[in-house]
PDB file of N, CA and C in Angstrom:
ATOM      1  N   MET A   1      32.193  -0.886 -16.876  1.00  0.00           N
ATOM      2  CA  MET A   1      32.043  -0.260 -15.721  1.00  0.00           C
ATOM      3  C   MET A   1      32.962  -1.209 -14.638  1.00  0.00           C
ATOM      4  N   ASN A   2      33.435  -0.077 -14.120  1.00  0.00           N
ATOM      5  CA  ASN A   2      34.970  -0.205 -12.882  1.00  0.00           C
ATOM      6  C   ASN A   2      33.729  -0.941 -11.543  1.00  0.00           C
ATOM      7  N   ILE A   3      34.053  -1.329 -11.187  1.00  0.00           N
ATOM      8  CA  ILE A   3      34.114  -1.192  -9.337  1.00  0.00           C
ATOM      9  C   ILE A   3      33.463   0.463  -8.875  1.00  0.00           C
ATOM     10  N   ASN A   4      34.220   1.381  -8.779  1.00  0.00           N
ATOM     11  CA  ASN A   4      34.059   2.244  -8.384  1.00  0.00           C
ATOM     12  C   ASN A   4      32.981   2.595  -8.929  1.00  0.00           C
ATOM     13  N   GLN A   5      32.338   2.311 -10.194  1.00  0.00           N
ATOM     14  CA  GLN A   5      31.324   3.419 -11.128  1.00  0.00           C
ATOM     15  C   GLN A   5      29.778   2.737 -10.345  1.00  0.00           C
ATOM     16  N   MET A   6      30.170   1.117 -10.254  1.00  0.00           N
ATOM     17  CA  MET A   6      29.289   0.309  -9.493  1.00  0.00           C
ATOM     18  C   MET A   6      28.555   0.409  -8.263  1.00  0.00           C
ATOM     19  N   MET A   7      29.420   0.692  -7.209  1.00  0.00           N
ATOM     20  CA  MET A   7      29.129   1.016  -6.126  1.00  0.00           C
ATOM     21  C   MET A   7      28.727   2.529  -6.054  1.00  0.00           C
ATOM     22  N   LYS A   8      29.167   3.707  -6.725  1.00  0.00           N
ATOM     23  CA  LYS A   8      28.777   4.868  -7.275  1.00  0.00           C
ATOM     24  C   LYS A   8      27.134   4.685  -7.148  1.00  0.00           C
ATOM     25  N   GLN A   9      26.746   4.321  -8.333  1.00  0.00           N
ATOM     26  CA  GLN A   9      25.113   3.960  -9.029  1.00  0.00           C
ATOM     27  C   GLN A   9      24.270   3.065  -7.750  1.00  0.00           C
ATOM     28  N   ALA A  10      25.021   2.190  -7.093  1.00  0.00           N
ATOM     29  CA  ALA A  10      24.444   1.322  -5.771  1.00  0.00           C
ATOM     30  C   ALA A  10      24.114   2.465  -4.443  1.00  0.00           C
ATOM     31  N   GLN A  11      24.763   3.385  -4.228  1.00  0.00           N
ATOM     32  CA  GLN A  11      24.597   4.196  -3.203  1.00  0.00           C
ATOM     33  C   GLN A  11      23.553   5.216  -3.848  1.00  0.00           C
ATOM     34  N   GLN A  12      23.510   5.493  -4.788  1.00  0.00           N
ATOM     35  CA  GLN A  12      22.559   6.833  -5.564  1.00  0.00           C
ATOM     36  C   GLN A  12      21.226   6.188  -5.455  1.00  0.00           C
ATOM     37  N   MET A  13      21.363   4.754  -6.137  1.00  0.00           N
ATOM     38  CA  MET A  13      19.863   3.744  -6.173  1.00  0.00           C
ATOM     39  C   MET A  13      19.528   3.529  -4.083  1.00  0.00           C
ATOM     40  N   GLN A  14      20.563   3.396  -3.442  1.00  0.00           N
ATOM     41  CA  GLN A  14      19.480   3.780  -2.201  1.00  0.00           C
ATOM     42  C   GLN A  14      19.367   4.589  -1.707  1.00  0.00           C
ATOM     43  N   ALA A  15      19.819   5.615  -2.180  1.00  0.00           N
ATOM     44  CA  ALA A  15      19.323   6.800  -1.234  1.00  0.00           C
ATOM     45  C   ALA A  15      18.300   6.597  -1.662  1.00  0.00           C
ATOM     46  N   LYS A  16      18.036   6.983  -3.348  1.00  0.00           N
ATOM     47  CA  LYS A  16      16.515   7.314  -4.159  1.00  0.00           C
ATOM     48  C   LYS A  16      15.855   6.368  -3.313  1.00  0.00           C
ATOM     49  N   LEU A  17      16.168   4.800  -2.906  1.00  0.00           N
ATOM     50  CA  LEU A  17      15.027   4.162  -2.278  1.00  0.00           C
ATOM     51  C   LEU A  17      14.821   4.497  -0.686  1.00  0.00           C
ATOM     52  N   ALA A  18      15.911   4.966  -0.094  1.00  0.00           N
ATOM     53  CA  ALA A  18      15.225   5.786   1.102  1.00  0.00           C
ATOM     54  C   ALA A  18      14.086   6.914   0.865  1.00  0.00           C
ATOM     55  N   SER A  19      14.302   7.387   0.226  1.00  0.00           N
ATOM     56  CA  SER A  19      13.667   8.569  -0.243  1.00  0.00           C
ATOM     57  C   SER A  19      12.325   8.008  -0.723  1.00  0.00           C
ATOM     58  N   LEU A  20      12.079   7.298  -1.384  1.00  0.00           N
ATOM     59  CA  LEU A  20      10.865   6.462  -2.639  1.00  0.00           C
ATOM     60  C   LEU A  20      10.164   5.866  -0.968  1.00  0.00           C
ATOM     61  N   GLN A  21      10.671   5.293   0.406  1.00  0.00           N
ATOM     62  CA  GLN A  21      10.028   4.664   1.154  1.00  0.00           C
ATOM     63  C   GLN A  21       9.908   5.771   2.055  1.00  0.00           C
ATOM     64  N   ASN A  22      10.860   6.869   2.131  1.00  0.00           N
ATOM     65  CA  ASN A  22       9.387   8.044   3.199  1.00  0.00           C
ATOM     66  C   ASN A  22       8.105   8.378   2.473  1.00  0.00           C
ATOM     67  N   GLU A  23       8.485   8.481   1.368  1.00  0.00           N
ATOM     68  CA  GLU A  23       6.942   9.139   0.548  1.00  0.00           C
ATOM     69  C   GLU A  23       5.957   8.311   0.483  1.00  0.00           C
ATOM     70  N   LEU A  24       6.351   6.978   0.149  1.00  0.00           N
ATOM     71  CA  LEU A  24       5.134   5.885   0.638  1.00  0.00           C
ATOM     72  C   LEU A  24       4.552   5.999   1.554  1.00  0.00           C
ATOM     73  N   ALA A  25       5.172   5.992   2.268  1.00  0.00           N
ATOM     74  CA  ALA A  25       4.746   6.224   3.736  1.00  0.00           C
ATOM     75  C   ALA A  25       3.807   6.451   3.888  1.00  0.00           C
ATOM     76  N   GLU A  26       4.159   8.094   3.309  1.00  0.00           N
ATOM     77  CA  GLU A  26       2.874   9.454   3.571  1.00  0.00           C
ATOM     78  C   GLU A  26       1.791   9.080   2.103  1.00  0.00           C
ATOM     79  N   ARG A  27       1.820   8.213   1.375  1.00  0.00           N
ATOM     80  CA  ARG A  27       0.926   8.047  -0.087  1.00  0.00           C
ATOM     81  C   ARG A  27      -0.104   6.892   0.386  1.00  0.00           C
ATOM     82  N   GLU A  28      -1.601   7.475   0.815  1.00  0.00           N
ATOM     83  CA  GLU A  28      -2.747   6.676   0.730  1.00  0.00           C
ATOM     84  C   GLU A  28      -3.382   6.231  -0.554  1.00  0.00           C
ATOM     85  N   VAL A  29      -4.207   4.951   0.409  1.00  0.00           N
ATOM     86  CA  VAL A  29      -4.941   4.588  -0.950  1.00  0.00           C
ATOM     87  C   VAL A  29      -6.210   4.163  -0.082  1.00  0.00           C
ATOM     88  N   GLU A  30      -7.548   4.164  -0.806  1.00  0.00           N
ATOM     89  CA  GLU A  30      -8.610   4.507  -0.185  1.00  0.00           C
ATOM     90  C   GLU A  30      -9.896   3.197  -1.011  1.00  0.00           C
ATOM     91  N   ALA A  31     -10.357   1.743  -0.563  1.00  0.00           N
ATOM     92  CA  ALA A  31     -10.618   0.983  -0.864  1.00  0.00           C
ATOM     93  C   ALA A  31     -12.205   1.104  -0.230  1.00  0.00           C
ATOM     94  N   SER A  32     -14.005   0.251  -1.070  1.00  0.00           N
ATOM     95  CA  SER A  32     -14.898   0.290  -0.027  1.00  0.00           C
ATOM     96  C   SER A  32     -15.149  -0.316  -0.491  1.00  0.00           C
ATOM     97  N   ALA A  33     -16.396  -1.120   0.138  1.00  0.00           N
ATOM     98  CA  ALA A  33     -16.768  -2.038  -0.117  1.00  0.00           C
ATOM     99  C   ALA A  33     -18.743  -2.015   0.419  1.00  0.00           C
ATOM    100  N   GLY A  34     -19.535  -3.202  -0.347  1.00  0.00           N
ATOM    101  CA  GLY A  34     -20.949  -2.432   0.150  1.00  0.00           C
ATOM    102  C   GLY A  34     -21.384  -1.476  -0.371  1.00  0.00           C
ATOM    103  N   GLY A  35     -20.642  -0.492  -1.422  1.00  0.00           N
ATOM    104  CA  GLY A  35     -21.188   0.826  -2.410  1.00  0.00           C
ATOM    105  C   GLY A  35     -21.076   1.315  -1.389  1.00  0.00           C
ATOM    106  N   GLY A  36     -19.695   1.711  -1.064  1.00  0.00           N
ATOM    107  CA  GLY A  36     -19.630   3.496   0.363  1.00  0.00           C
ATOM    108  C   GLY A  36     -19.443   2.706   1.767  1.00  0.00           C
ATOM    109  N   ALA A  37     -20.244   1.510   1.839  1.00  0.00           N
ATOM    110  CA  ALA A  37     -21.169   1.075   3.178  1.00  0.00           C
ATOM    111  C   ALA A  37     -19.246   1.030   4.435  1.00  0.00           C
ATOM    112  N   VAL A  38     -18.766   0.356   3.722  1.00  0.00           N
ATOM    113  CA  VAL A  38     -16.911   0.916   4.799  1.00  0.00           C
ATOM    114  C   VAL A  38     -15.993   0.569   3.707  1.00  0.00           C
ATOM    115  N   LYS A  39     -15.447   1.935   4.139  1.00  0.00           N
ATOM    116  CA  LYS A  39     -14.472   2.343   3.338  1.00  0.00           C
ATOM    117  C   LYS A  39     -13.212   2.362   4.246  1.00  0.00           C
ATOM    118  N   VAL A  40     -12.174   2.203   4.096  1.00  0.00           N
ATOM    119  CA  VAL A  40     -10.684   1.640   4.334  1.00  0.00           C
ATOM    120  C   VAL A  40      -9.829   2.223   3.916  1.00  0.00           C
ATOM    121  N   LYS A  41      -8.901   3.160   4.616  1.00  0.00           N
ATOM    122  CA  LYS A  41      -8.041   4.027   3.736  1.00  0.00           C
ATOM    123  C   LYS A  41      -6.356   3.141   4.925  1.00  0.00           C
ATOM    124  N   VAL A  42      -5.145   2.621   3.561  1.00  0.00           N
ATOM    125  CA  VAL A  42      -4.017   2.426   4.063  1.00  0.00           C
ATOM    126  C   VAL A  42      -2.955   3.465   3.252  1.00  0.00           C
ATOM    127  N   ASN A  43      -1.592   3.075   4.217  1.00  0.00           N
ATOM    128  CA  ASN A  43      -1.029   3.619   3.243  1.00  0.00           C
ATOM    129  C   ASN A  43       0.873   2.980   2.717  1.00  0.00           C
ATOM    130  N   GLY A  44       1.415   3.255   1.782  1.00  0.00           N
ATOM    131  CA  GLY A  44       2.529   2.401   1.064  1.00  0.00           C
ATOM    132  C   GLY A  44       3.305   1.486   1.957  1.00  0.00           C
ATOM    133  N   LYS A  45       3.285   2.067   3.727  1.00  0.00           N
ATOM    134  CA  LYS A  45       3.568   0.691   4.206  1.00  0.00           C
ATOM    135  C   LYS A  45       2.967  -0.528   4.671  1.00  0.00           C
ATOM    136  N   GLN A  46       1.829  -0.656   3.855  1.00  0.00           N
ATOM    137  CA  GLN A  46       0.687  -1.042   4.316  1.00  0.00           C
ATOM    138  C   GLN A  46      -0.199  -1.227   5.497  1.00  0.00           C
ATOM    139  N   GLU A  47      -0.138  -0.191   6.271  1.00  0.00           N
ATOM    140  CA  GLU A  47      -0.550  -0.164   7.675  1.00  0.00           C
ATOM    141  C   GLU A  47      -1.750   0.155   7.320  1.00  0.00           C
ATOM    142  N   LEU A  48      -3.053  -0.236   8.243  1.00  0.00           N
ATOM    143  CA  LEU A  48      -4.441   0.190   8.013  1.00  0.00           C
ATOM    144  C   LEU A  48      -4.486   1.939   9.045  1.00  0.00           C
ATOM    145  N   LEU A  49      -4.858   2.193   8.449  1.00  0.00           N
ATOM    146  CA  LEU A  49      -4.845   4.206   8.844  1.00  0.00           C
ATOM    147  C   LEU A  49      -6.007   4.174   9.340  1.00  0.00           C
ATOM    148  N   SER A  50      -7.197   3.773   8.854  1.00  0.00           N
ATOM    149  CA  SER A  50      -8.888   4.162   9.217  1.00  0.00           C
ATOM    150  C   SER A  50     -10.087   2.955   8.753  1.00  0.00           C
ATOM    151  N   ILE A  51     -11.152   2.828   9.433  1.00  0.00           N
ATOM    152  CA  ILE A  51     -12.412   1.668   8.702  1.00  0.00           C
ATOM    153  C   ILE A  51     -13.039   2.761   9.103  1.00  0.00           C
ATOM    154  N   LYS A  52     -14.417   3.281   8.120  1.00  0.00           N
ATOM    155  CA  LYS A  52     -15.248   4.116   8.203  1.00  0.00           C
ATOM    156  C   LYS A  52     -16.488   3.201   7.993  1.00  0.00           C
ATOM    157  N   ILE A  53     -17.420   2.913   9.153  1.00  0.00           N
ATOM    158  CA  ILE A  53     -18.302   1.807   8.526  1.00  0.00           C
ATOM    159  C   ILE A  53     -19.507   2.672   8.874  1.00  0.00           C
ATOM    160  N   SER A  54     -20.139   3.008   7.622  1.00  0.00           N
ATOM    161  CA  SER A  54     -21.880   3.780   7.619  1.00  0.00           C
ATOM    162  C   SER A  54     -23.066   2.909   8.733  1.00  0.00           C
ATOM    163  N   LYS A  55     -23.761   3.841   9.258  1.00  0.00           N
ATOM    164  CA  LYS A  55     -24.780   3.091   9.920  1.00  0.00           C
ATOM    165  C   LYS A  55     -25.576   2.167   9.332  1.00  0.00           C
ATOM    166  N   GLU A  56     -25.957   2.829   8.534  1.00  0.00           N
ATOM    167  CA  GLU A  56     -26.595   1.852   7.766  1.00  0.00           C
ATOM    168  C   GLU A  56     -26.365   0.334   7.751  1.00  0.00           C
ATOM    169  N   ALA A  57     -25.012   0.601   7.330  1.00  0.00           N
ATOM    170  CA  ALA A  57     -24.365  -1.130   7.538  1.00  0.00           C
ATOM    171  C   ALA A  57     -23.923  -2.170   8.726  1.00  0.00           C
ATOM    172  N   VAL A  58     -24.731  -1.164   9.603  1.00  0.00           N
ATOM    173  CA  VAL A  58     -24.729  -2.075  10.842  1.00  0.00           C
ATOM    174  C   VAL A  58     -26.150  -2.815  11.353  1.00  0.00           C
ATOM    175  N   ASP A  59     -26.239  -3.663  11.191  1.00  0.00           N
ATOM    176  CA  ASP A  59     -27.318  -4.602  11.534  1.00  0.00           C
ATOM    177  C   ASP A  59     -27.112  -5.707  12.471  1.00  0.00           C
ATOM    178  N   PRO A  60     -27.307  -5.748  13.525  1.00  0.00           N
ATOM    179  CA  PRO A  60     -26.934  -6.541  14.994  1.00  0.00           C
ATOM    180  C   PRO A  60     -27.121  -8.064  14.466  1.00  0.00           C
ATOM    181  N   ASN A  61     -28.679  -7.714  13.949  1.00  0.00           N
ATOM    182  CA  ASN A  61     -28.780  -9.597  13.447  1.00  0.00           C
ATOM    183  C   ASN A  61     -28.341  -9.905  12.461  1.00  0.00           C
ATOM    184  N   ASP A  62     -26.729  -9.024  11.600  1.00  0.00           N
ATOM    185  CA  ASP A  62     -26.216 -10.148  10.207  1.00  0.00           C
ATOM    186  C   ASP A  62     -24.971  -9.133  10.501  1.00  0.00           C
ATOM    187  N   VAL A  63     -24.129  -9.552  11.549  1.00  0.00           N
ATOM    188  CA  VAL A  63     -22.761  -9.523  11.453  1.00  0.00           C
ATOM    189  C   VAL A  63     -21.965  -9.559  10.639  1.00  0.00           C
ATOM    190  N   GLU A  64     -22.428 -10.929  10.121  1.00  0.00           N
ATOM    191  CA  GLU A  64     -21.154 -11.910   9.465  1.00  0.00           C
ATOM    192  C   GLU A  64     -21.242 -10.615   7.661  1.00  0.00           C
ATOM    193  N   THR A  65     -22.518 -10.035   7.367  1.00  0.00           N
ATOM    194  CA  THR A  65     -22.474  -9.313   6.014  1.00  0.00           C
ATOM    195  C   THR A  65     -21.513  -8.501   6.240  1.00  0.00           C
ATOM    196  N   LEU A  66     -21.930  -7.668   7.406  1.00  0.00           N
ATOM    197  CA  LEU A  66     -20.465  -5.936   7.890  1.00  0.00           C
ATOM    198  C   LEU A  66     -19.196  -7.475   8.108  1.00  0.00           C
ATOM    199  N   GLU A  67     -18.672  -8.336   8.832  1.00  0.00           N
ATOM    200  CA  GLU A  67     -17.203  -9.317   8.773  1.00  0.00           C
ATOM    201  C   GLU A  67     -17.053  -8.814   7.259  1.00  0.00           C
ATOM    202  N   GLU A  68     -18.077  -9.324   6.206  1.00  0.00           N
ATOM    203  CA  GLU A  68     -17.164  -9.792   4.703  1.00  0.00           C
ATOM    204  C   GLU A  68     -16.871  -8.444   3.813  1.00  0.00           C
ATOM    205  N   LEU A  69     -17.608  -7.676   4.641  1.00  0.00           N
ATOM    206  CA  LEU A  69     -17.378  -6.021   4.091  1.00  0.00           C
ATOM    207  C   LEU A  69     -15.999  -5.490   4.393  1.00  0.00           C
ATOM    208  N   VAL A  70     -15.892  -5.570   5.495  1.00  0.00           N
ATOM    209  CA  VAL A  70     -14.763  -5.051   6.049  1.00  0.00           C
ATOM    210  C   VAL A  70     -13.589  -5.760   5.316  1.00  0.00           C
ATOM    211  N   PHE A  71     -13.860  -7.391   5.902  1.00  0.00           N
ATOM    212  CA  PHE A  71     -12.558  -7.680   5.661  1.00  0.00           C
ATOM    213  C   PHE A  71     -12.381  -7.923   3.372  1.00  0.00           C
ATOM    214  N   THR A  72     -13.646  -7.354   2.810  1.00  0.00           N
ATOM    215  CA  THR A  72     -13.039  -6.771   1.382  1.00  0.00           C
ATOM    216  C   THR A  72     -12.369  -6.062   0.913  1.00  0.00           C
ATOM    217  N   ALA A  73     -13.460  -5.292   1.812  1.00  0.00           N
ATOM    218  CA  ALA A  73     -12.290  -3.688   1.857  1.00  0.00           C
ATOM    219  C   ALA A  73     -10.689  -3.660   2.148  1.00  0.00           C
ATOM    220  N   VAL A  74     -10.766  -4.356   3.236  1.00  0.00           N
ATOM    221  CA  VAL A  74      -9.243  -3.999   3.585  1.00  0.00           C
ATOM    222  C   VAL A  74      -8.189  -4.609   2.505  1.00  0.00           C
ATOM    223  N   ASN A  75      -9.193  -6.406   2.045  1.00  0.00           N
ATOM    224  CA  ASN A  75      -8.090  -6.247   0.842  1.00  0.00           C
ATOM    225  C   ASN A  75      -8.018  -6.178   0.197  1.00  0.00           C
ATOM    226  N   GLN A  76      -8.631  -4.908  -0.029  1.00  0.00           N
ATOM    227  CA  GLN A  76      -8.423  -4.179  -1.613  1.00  0.00           C
ATOM    228  C   GLN A  76      -7.851  -3.287  -1.503  1.00  0.00           C
ATOM    229  N   ALA A  77      -8.054  -2.479  -0.003  1.00  0.00           N
ATOM    230  CA  ALA A  77      -6.956  -1.246   0.021  1.00  0.00           C
ATOM    231  C   ALA A  77      -5.810  -1.666   0.443  1.00  0.00           C
ATOM    232  N   MET A  78      -5.419  -2.854   0.903  1.00  0.00           N
ATOM    233  CA  MET A  78      -4.060  -3.953   1.034  1.00  0.00           C
ATOM    234  C   MET A  78      -3.385  -4.071  -0.726  1.00  0.00           C
ATOM    235  N   LYS A  79      -4.417  -4.399  -1.651  1.00  0.00           N
ATOM    236  CA  LYS A  79      -3.628  -4.992  -2.276  1.00  0.00           C
ATOM    237  C   LYS A  79      -3.689  -3.482  -3.319  1.00  0.00           C
ATOM    238  N   GLN A  80      -4.729  -2.600  -3.255  1.00  0.00           N
ATOM    239  CA  GLN A  80      -4.082  -0.986  -4.141  1.00  0.00           C
ATOM    240  C   GLN A  80      -2.755  -0.256  -3.297  1.00  0.00           C
ATOM    241  N   SER A  81      -2.183  -0.670  -2.408  1.00  0.00           N
ATOM    242  CA  SER A  81      -0.858  -0.409  -1.733  1.00  0.00           C
ATOM    243  C   SER A  81      -0.586  -1.047  -2.543  1.00  0.00           C
ATOM    244  N   GLN A  82       0.234  -2.043  -1.859  1.00  0.00           N
ATOM    245  CA  GLN A  82       0.596  -3.200  -2.884  1.00  0.00           C
ATOM    246  C   GLN A  82       1.212  -2.770  -4.479  1.00  0.00           C
ATOM    247  N   GLU A  83      -0.104  -2.523  -5.266  1.00  0.00           N
ATOM    248  CA  GLU A  83       0.552  -2.364  -6.485  1.00  0.00           C
ATOM    249  C   GLU A  83       0.572  -1.366  -6.483  1.00  0.00           C
ATOM    250  N   MET A  84       1.205  -0.019  -5.595  1.00  0.00           N
ATOM    251  CA  MET A  84       1.389   0.792  -5.628  1.00  0.00           C
ATOM    252  C   MET A  84       2.879   1.361  -5.714  1.00  0.00           C
ATOM    253  N   VAL A  85       3.721   0.237  -4.266  1.00  0.00           N
ATOM    254  CA  VAL A  85       4.114   0.341  -4.050  1.00  0.00           C
ATOM    255  C   VAL A  85       5.455  -0.441  -4.858  1.00  0.00           C
ATOM    256  N   SER A  86       4.777  -1.486  -5.391  1.00  0.00           N
ATOM    257  CA  SER A  86       5.225  -2.041  -6.437  1.00  0.00           C
ATOM    258  C   SER A  86       5.827  -1.345  -7.635  1.00  0.00           C
ATOM    259  N   SER A  87       4.887  -0.417  -8.118  1.00  0.00           N
ATOM    260  CA  SER A  87       5.022   0.300  -9.235  1.00  0.00           C
ATOM    261  C   SER A  87       6.351   1.798  -8.631  1.00  0.00           C
ATOM    262  N   ALA A  88       6.094   2.024  -7.915  1.00  0.00           N
ATOM    263  CA  ALA A  88       6.915   3.309  -8.152  1.00  0.00           C
ATOM    264  C   ALA A  88       8.302   3.162  -7.475  1.00  0.00           C
ATOM    265  N   MET A  89       8.475   1.272  -6.527  1.00  0.00           N
ATOM    266  CA  MET A  89       9.273   0.690  -7.069  1.00  0.00           C
ATOM    267  C   MET A  89      10.484   0.671  -7.877  1.00  0.00           C
ATOM    268  N   SER A  90       9.192   0.120  -8.869  1.00  0.00           N
ATOM    269  CA  SER A  90      10.014  -0.609 -10.510  1.00  0.00           C
ATOM    270  C   SER A  90      10.419   0.883 -11.250  1.00  0.00           C
ATOM    271  N   LYS A  91       9.699   1.582 -11.077  1.00  0.00           N
ATOM    272  CA  LYS A  91      10.326   3.421 -11.674  1.00  0.00           C
ATOM    273  C   LYS A  91      12.205   3.332 -11.066  1.00  0.00           C
ATOM    274  N   VAL A  92      12.429   3.102  -9.675  1.00  0.00           N
ATOM    275  CA  VAL A  92      13.223   3.613  -9.111  1.00  0.00           C
ATOM    276  C   VAL A  92      14.222   2.601  -8.840  1.00  0.00           C
ATOM    277  N   THR A  93      13.946   0.924  -9.959  1.00  0.00           N
ATOM    278  CA  THR A  93      15.439   0.313  -9.981  1.00  0.00           C
ATOM    279  C   THR A  93      15.334  -0.346 -11.088  1.00  0.00           C
ATOM    280  N   GLY A  94      14.014   0.162 -11.599  1.00  0.00           N
ATOM    281  CA  GLY A  94      14.317  -0.611 -13.437  1.00  0.00           C
ATOM    282  C   GLY A  94      13.745  -1.905 -13.925  1.00  0.00           C
ATOM    283  N   GLY A  95      12.908  -1.875 -12.553  1.00  0.00           N
ATOM    284  CA  GLY A  95      12.203  -3.481 -13.078  1.00  0.00           C
ATOM    285  C   GLY A  95      13.181  -4.244 -12.119  1.00  0.00           C
ATOM    286  N   LEU A  96      14.680  -4.248 -11.442  1.00  0.00           N
ATOM    287  CA  LEU A  96      15.229  -5.082 -10.885  1.00  0.00           C
ATOM    288  C   LEU A  96      15.037  -4.803  -9.283  1.00  0.00           C
ATOM    289  N   SER A  97      14.243  -6.242  -8.959  1.00  0.00           N
ATOM    290  CA  SER A  97      13.642  -6.447  -7.955  1.00  0.00           C
ATOM    291  C   SER A  97      14.405  -6.700  -6.357  1.00  0.00           C
ATOM    292  N   ILE A  98      14.419  -6.061  -5.477  1.00  0.00           N
ATOM    293  CA  ILE A  98      15.938  -5.616  -4.483  1.00  0.00           C
ATOM    294  C   ILE A  98      14.627  -7.053  -3.110  1.00  0.00           C
ATOM    295  N   PRO A  99      15.662  -7.761  -2.663  1.00  0.00           N
ATOM    296  CA  PRO A  99      14.409  -8.088  -2.035  1.00  0.00           C
ATOM    297  C   PRO A  99      14.451  -7.559  -0.652  1.00  0.00           C
ATOM    298  N   GLY A 100      13.923  -7.647   0.394  1.00  0.00           N
ATOM    299  CA  GLY A 100      13.613  -6.810   1.730  1.00  0.00           C
ATOM    300  C   GLY A 100      13.125  -5.316   1.969  1.00  0.00           C
ATOM    301  N   MET A 101      12.984  -4.614   0.061  1.00  0.00           N
ATOM    302  CA  MET A 101      12.219  -3.862  -0.212  1.00  0.00           C
ATOM    303  C   MET A 101      10.790  -3.498   0.028  1.00  0.00           C
ATOM    304  N   PHE A 102       9.868  -3.590   1.203  1.00  0.00           N
ATOM    305  CA  PHE A 102       8.679  -3.750   1.479  1.00  0.00           C
ATOM    306  C   PHE A 102       8.279  -5.329   0.668  1.00  0.00           C
TER     307      PHE A 102
END
């Protein structure tokens, strides 16, 4: 393979990655905690999009439990988002790790 072919392949991969980044920004994952008492949505850019808390989960005498539910749901959503991105990226790069790409 010569340098011109390598450059062309690199440019094609770069275009695919840019397209994938845009697509992933539109994808959403949702996680919940406490049997659905807290629901969190995150996109493929690991941006928190929403937090929904049921009225039943709000107890002024037990704020710590609500905090733990929110914490758990956010962490689960972030992990799902990262796994979604990793899976999509590996399909484009063939498993090649590219630093700085998410």
